[in-house]
PDB file of N, CA and C in Angstrom:
ATOM      1  N   MET A   1      23.405  22.562   1.724  1.00  0.00           N
ATOM      2  CA  MET A   1      24.257  23.223   2.664  1.00  0.00           C
ATOM      3  C   MET A   1      24.950  24.387   1.961  1.00  0.00           C
ATOM      4  N   SER A   2      24.324  25.504   2.020  1.00  0.00           N
ATOM      5  CA  SER A   2      24.837  26.663   1.286  1.00  0.00           C
ATOM      6  C   SER A   2      26.189  27.143   1.819  1.00  0.00           C
ATOM      7  N   GLY A   3      26.459  26.910   3.091  1.00  0.00           N
ATOM      8  CA  GLY A   3      27.766  27.303   3.633  1.00  0.00           C
ATOM      9  C   GLY A   3      28.898  26.565   2.942  1.00  0.00           C
ATOM     10  N   HIS A   4      28.722  25.272   2.746  1.00  0.00           N
ATOM     11  CA  HIS A   4      29.736  24.459   2.067  1.00  0.00           C
ATOM     12  C   HIS A   4      29.890  24.909   0.624  1.00  0.00           C
ATOM     13  N   LYS A   5      28.759  25.169  -0.037  1.00  0.00           N
ATOM     14  CA  LYS A   5      28.808  25.629  -1.429  1.00  0.00           C
ATOM     15  C   LYS A   5      29.583  26.935  -1.541  1.00  0.00           C
ATOM     16  N   GLY A   6      29.343  27.831  -0.607  1.00  0.00           N
ATOM     17  CA  GLY A   6      30.053  29.110  -0.624  1.00  0.00           C
ATOM     18  C   GLY A   6      31.553  28.951  -0.460  1.00  0.00           C
ATOM     19  N   PHE A   7      31.963  28.107   0.492  1.00  0.00           N
ATOM     20  CA  PHE A   7      33.395  27.879   0.686  1.00  0.00           C
ATOM     21  C   PHE A   7      34.014  27.166  -0.510  1.00  0.00           C
ATOM     22  N   LYS A   8      33.261  26.262  -1.130  1.00  0.00           N
ATOM     23  CA  LYS A   8      33.755  25.570  -2.325  1.00  0.00           C
ATOM     24  C   LYS A   8      34.024  26.588  -3.444  1.00  0.00           C
ATOM     25  N   GLU A   9      33.095  27.516  -3.618  1.00  0.00           N
ATOM     26  CA  GLU A   9      33.268  28.553  -4.641  1.00  0.00           C
ATOM     27  C   GLU A   9      34.451  29.462  -4.311  1.00  0.00           C
ATOM     28  N   LEU A  10      34.613  29.813  -3.033  1.00  0.00           N
ATOM     29  CA  LEU A  10      35.761  30.641  -2.640  1.00  0.00           C
ATOM     30  C   LEU A  10      37.076  29.930  -2.934  1.00  0.00           C
ATOM     31  N   LYS A  11      37.104  28.617  -2.708  1.00  0.00           N
ATOM     32  CA  LYS A  11      38.320  27.854  -2.991  1.00  0.00           C
ATOM     33  C   LYS A  11      38.586  27.833  -4.498  1.00  0.00           C
ATOM     34  N   GLU A  12      37.529  27.630  -5.292  1.00  0.00           N
ATOM     35  CA  GLU A  12      37.682  27.624  -6.750  1.00  0.00           C
ATOM     36  C   GLU A  12      38.204  28.967  -7.265  1.00  0.00           C
ATOM     37  N   LEU A  13      37.862  30.053  -6.577  1.00  0.00           N
ATOM     38  CA  LEU A  13      38.319  31.395  -6.955  1.00  0.00           C
ATOM     39  C   LEU A  13      39.653  31.756  -6.318  1.00  0.00           C
ATOM     40  N   SER A  14      40.243  30.811  -5.594  1.00  0.00           N
ATOM     41  CA  SER A  14      41.525  30.998  -4.907  1.00  0.00           C
ATOM     42  C   SER A  14      41.474  32.084  -3.835  1.00  0.00           C
ATOM     43  N   VAL A  15      40.298  32.286  -3.256  1.00  0.00           N
ATOM     44  CA  VAL A  15      40.165  33.242  -2.157  1.00  0.00           C
ATOM     45  C   VAL A  15      40.578  32.580  -0.845  1.00  0.00           C
ATOM     46  N   THR A  16      40.406  31.271  -0.766  1.00  0.00           N
ATOM     47  CA  THR A  16      40.810  30.504   0.405  1.00  0.00           C
ATOM     48  C   THR A  16      41.528  29.240  -0.058  1.00  0.00           C
ATOM     49  N   ASP A  17      42.325  28.673   0.819  1.00  0.00           N
ATOM     50  CA  ASP A  17      43.070  27.462   0.469  1.00  0.00           C
ATOM     51  C   ASP A  17      42.347  26.182   0.857  1.00  0.00           C
ATOM     52  N   ALA A  18      41.373  26.274   1.763  1.00  0.00           N
ATOM     53  CA  ALA A  18      40.739  25.061   2.264  1.00  0.00           C
ATOM     54  C   ALA A  18      39.262  25.297   2.552  1.00  0.00           C
ATOM     55  N   ILE A  19      38.527  24.206   2.533  1.00  0.00           N
ATOM     56  CA  ILE A  19      37.126  24.233   2.921  1.00  0.00           C
ATOM     57  C   ILE A  19      37.061  23.725   4.361  1.00  0.00           C
ATOM     58  N   PRO A  20      36.503  24.511   5.278  1.00  0.00           N
ATOM     59  CA  PRO A  20      36.486  24.066   6.680  1.00  0.00           C
ATOM     60  C   PRO A  20      35.557  22.873   6.882  1.00  0.00           C
ATOM     61  N   GLU A  21      35.873  22.069   7.879  1.00  0.00           N
ATOM     62  CA  GLU A  21      34.994  20.961   8.248  1.00  0.00           C
ATOM     63  C   GLU A  21      33.733  21.540   8.871  1.00  0.00           C
ATOM     64  N   MET A  22      32.585  21.034   8.466  1.00  0.00           N
ATOM     65  CA  MET A  22      31.324  21.559   8.975  1.00  0.00           C
ATOM     66  C   MET A  22      30.506  20.427   9.570  1.00  0.00           C
ATOM     67  N   THR A  23      29.745  20.755  10.600  1.00  0.00           N
ATOM     68  CA  THR A  23      28.881  19.798  11.263  1.00  0.00           C
ATOM     69  C   THR A  23      27.472  20.367  11.312  1.00  0.00           C
ATOM     70  N   GLY A  24      26.500  19.548  10.965  1.00  0.00           N
ATOM     71  CA  GLY A  24      25.102  19.976  11.042  1.00  0.00           C
ATOM     72  C   GLY A  24      24.476  19.496  12.338  1.00  0.00           C
ATOM     73  N   ILE A  25      23.711  20.353  12.959  1.00  0.00           N
ATOM     74  CA  ILE A  25      23.059  20.024  14.227  1.00  0.00           C
ATOM     75  C   ILE A  25      21.608  20.447  14.132  1.00  0.00           C
ATOM     76  N   GLN A  26      20.730  19.592  14.651  1.00  0.00           N
ATOM     77  CA  GLN A  26      19.323  19.964  14.714  1.00  0.00           C
ATOM     78  C   GLN A  26      18.733  19.461  16.023  1.00  0.00           C
ATOM     79  N   ALA A  27      17.736  20.158  16.509  1.00  0.00           N
ATOM     80  CA  ALA A  27      17.129  19.822  17.793  1.00  0.00           C
ATOM     81  C   ALA A  27      16.349  18.512  17.704  1.00  0.00           C
ATOM     82  N   GLU A  28      16.333  17.771  18.794  1.00  0.00           N
ATOM     83  CA  GLU A  28      15.550  16.549  18.859  1.00  0.00           C
ATOM     84  C   GLU A  28      14.086  16.896  18.613  1.00  0.00           C
ATOM     85  N   GLY A  29      13.427  16.126  17.801  1.00  0.00           N
ATOM     86  CA  GLY A  29      12.030  16.402  17.475  1.00  0.00           C
ATOM     87  C   GLY A  29      11.872  17.281  16.257  1.00  0.00           C
ATOM     88  N   SER A  30      12.926  17.878  15.802  1.00  0.00           N
ATOM     89  CA  SER A  30      12.921  18.689  14.590  1.00  0.00           C
ATOM     90  C   SER A  30      13.944  18.069  13.657  1.00  0.00           C
ATOM     91  N   ARG A  31      13.477  17.374  12.641  1.00  0.00           N
ATOM     92  CA  ARG A  31      14.408  16.615  11.826  1.00  0.00           C
ATOM     93  C   ARG A  31      14.289  16.896  10.337  1.00  0.00           C
ATOM     94  N   PRO A  32      14.253  18.160   9.919  1.00  0.00           N
ATOM     95  CA  PRO A  32      14.108  18.441   8.494  1.00  0.00           C
ATOM     96  C   PRO A  32      15.260  17.908   7.648  1.00  0.00           C
ATOM     97  N   VAL A  33      16.473  17.923   8.168  1.00  0.00           N
ATOM     98  CA  VAL A  33      17.612  17.425   7.389  1.00  0.00           C
ATOM     99  C   VAL A  33      17.492  15.913   7.210  1.00  0.00           C
ATOM    100  N   VAL A  34      17.174  15.207   8.281  1.00  0.00           N
ATOM    101  CA  VAL A  34      17.014  13.751   8.206  1.00  0.00           C
ATOM    102  C   VAL A  34      15.868  13.399   7.268  1.00  0.00           C
ATOM    103  N   ASP A  35      14.769  14.144   7.333  1.00  0.00           N
ATOM    104  CA  ASP A  35      13.627  13.877   6.457  1.00  0.00           C
ATOM    105  C   ASP A  35      14.004  14.019   4.983  1.00  0.00           C
ATOM    106  N   VAL A  36      14.775  15.037   4.641  1.00  0.00           N
ATOM    107  CA  VAL A  36      15.206  15.224   3.252  1.00  0.00           C
ATOM    108  C   VAL A  36      16.106  14.064   2.803  1.00  0.00           C
ATOM    109  N   ILE A  37      17.027  13.669   3.653  1.00  0.00           N
ATOM    110  CA  ILE A  37      17.912  12.552   3.325  1.00  0.00           C
ATOM    111  C   ILE A  37      17.109  11.269   3.150  1.00  0.00           C
ATOM    112  N   ASP A  38      16.151  11.015   4.045  1.00  0.00           N
ATOM    113  CA  ASP A  38      15.325   9.818   3.935  1.00  0.00           C
ATOM    114  C   ASP A  38      14.519   9.819   2.647  1.00  0.00           C
ATOM    115  N   ARG A  39      13.915  10.962   2.295  1.00  0.00           N
ATOM    116  CA  ARG A  39      13.141  11.038   1.046  1.00  0.00           C
ATOM    117  C   ARG A  39      14.022  10.807  -0.174  1.00  0.00           C
ATOM    118  N   ALA A  40      15.213  11.371  -0.165  1.00  0.00           N
ATOM    119  CA  ALA A  40      16.136  11.195  -1.297  1.00  0.00           C
ATOM    120  C   ALA A  40      16.546   9.725  -1.415  1.00  0.00           C
ATOM    121  N   ARG A  41      16.799   9.107  -0.287  1.00  0.00           N
ATOM    122  CA  ARG A  41      17.207   7.700  -0.275  1.00  0.00           C
ATOM    123  C   ARG A  41      16.087   6.812  -0.789  1.00  0.00           C
ATOM    124  N   ASP A  42      14.830   7.176  -0.472  1.00  0.00           N
ATOM    125  CA  ASP A  42      13.672   6.377  -0.894  1.00  0.00           C
ATOM    126  C   ASP A  42      13.246   6.712  -2.326  1.00  0.00           C
ATOM    127  N   GLY A  43      13.899   7.676  -2.953  1.00  0.00           N
ATOM    128  CA  GLY A  43      13.602   8.039  -4.333  1.00  0.00           C
ATOM    129  C   GLY A  43      12.348   8.862  -4.512  1.00  0.00           C
ATOM    130  N   LEU A  44      11.924   9.558  -3.471  1.00  0.00           N
ATOM    131  CA  LEU A  44      10.711  10.389  -3.566  1.00  0.00           C
ATOM    132  C   LEU A  44      11.038  11.785  -3.995  1.00  0.00           C
TER     133      LEU A  44
END
């Protein structure tokens, strides 16, 4: 999640005071995020 990484870096540089809450959304039938999480969980 590059958006979160960017905000984390901005906070570390004192450009912002907080990291905003983020939500990921993907269309039904398209599950690349879930697939990556499942593979990581299975140790692949």
